[in-house]
Amino acid sequence: MRFLTAVMGIAILGLSACGDTATERAATGGIGGAVVAGPAGAVVGGTLGAATTE
């Protein structure tokens, strides 16, 4: 189970920076974080997604 969670986490990190605007990156990061770690992951994923630059 840990291996599957780690693989999903790595895949979500690649997805978190997906998008053209900060809003799109925050949305994809939030969704990815929610899938991996629930509500706390959604907050972290959204924050990291919004903070990434191209």
Protein backbone atom coordinates (compact mmCIF):
# COMPACT_ATOMS: atom_id res chain seq x y z
CA MET A 1 0.00 0.00 0.00
CA ARG A 2 2.87 2.35 0.75
CA PHE A 3 4.38 1.74 -2.65
CA LEU A 4 1.10 2.56 -4.38
CA THR A 5 0.75 5.78 -2.35
CA ALA A 6 4.32 6.78 -3.20
CA VAL A 7 3.78 6.16 -6.90
CA MET A 8 0.55 8.15 -6.86
CA GLY A 9 2.27 10.96 -5.00
CA ILE A 10 5.01 11.19 -7.60
CA ALA A 11 2.45 11.18 -10.41
CA ILE A 12 0.46 13.92 -8.70
CA LEU A 13 3.56 16.08 -8.28
CA GLY A 14 3.97 16.04 -12.04
CA LEU A 15 0.35 16.99 -12.46
CA SER A 16 0.40 19.78 -9.86
CA ALA A 17 2.26 22.15 -12.15
CA CYS A 18 -0.08 21.44 -15.06
CA GLY A 19 -1.87 24.52 -16.35
CA ASP A 20 -1.27 27.87 -17.98
CA THR A 21 -2.40 30.14 -15.15
CA ALA A 22 -1.89 30.12 -11.40
CA THR A 23 -5.56 29.26 -10.95
CA GLU A 24 -5.30 26.16 -13.14
CA ARG A 25 -2.11 25.02 -11.39
CA ALA A 26 -3.73 25.52 -7.98
CA ALA A 27 -6.78 23.54 -9.06
CA THR A 28 -4.83 20.58 -10.40
CA GLY A 29 -2.53 20.64 -7.37
CA GLY A 30 -5.49 20.71 -5.00
CA ILE A 31 -7.20 17.79 -6.71
CA GLY A 32 -3.99 15.78 -6.76
CA GLY A 33 -3.27 16.53 -3.12
CA ALA A 34 -6.80 15.54 -2.12
CA VAL A 35 -6.44 12.19 -3.84
CA VAL A 36 -3.20 11.37 -2.04
CA ALA A 37 -3.65 12.90 1.42
CA GLY A 38 -7.21 14.10 1.85
CA PRO A 39 -8.13 17.66 2.89
CA ALA A 40 -4.67 18.55 4.17
CA GLY A 41 -3.16 17.34 0.90
CA ALA A 42 -5.61 19.50 -1.03
CA VAL A 43 -4.40 22.60 0.78
CA VAL A 44 -0.73 21.74 0.27
CA GLY A 45 -1.22 20.71 -3.37
CA GLY A 46 -3.16 23.86 -4.15
CA THR A 47 -0.56 26.06 -2.52
CA LEU A 48 2.33 24.38 -4.30
CA GLY A 49 0.47 24.41 -7.60
CA ALA A 50 -0.18 28.16 -7.33
CA ALA A 51 3.39 28.88 -6.28
CA THR A 52 5.02 27.15 -9.26
CA THR A 53 6.22 29.26 -12.14
CA GLU A 54 6.81 28.32 -15.71
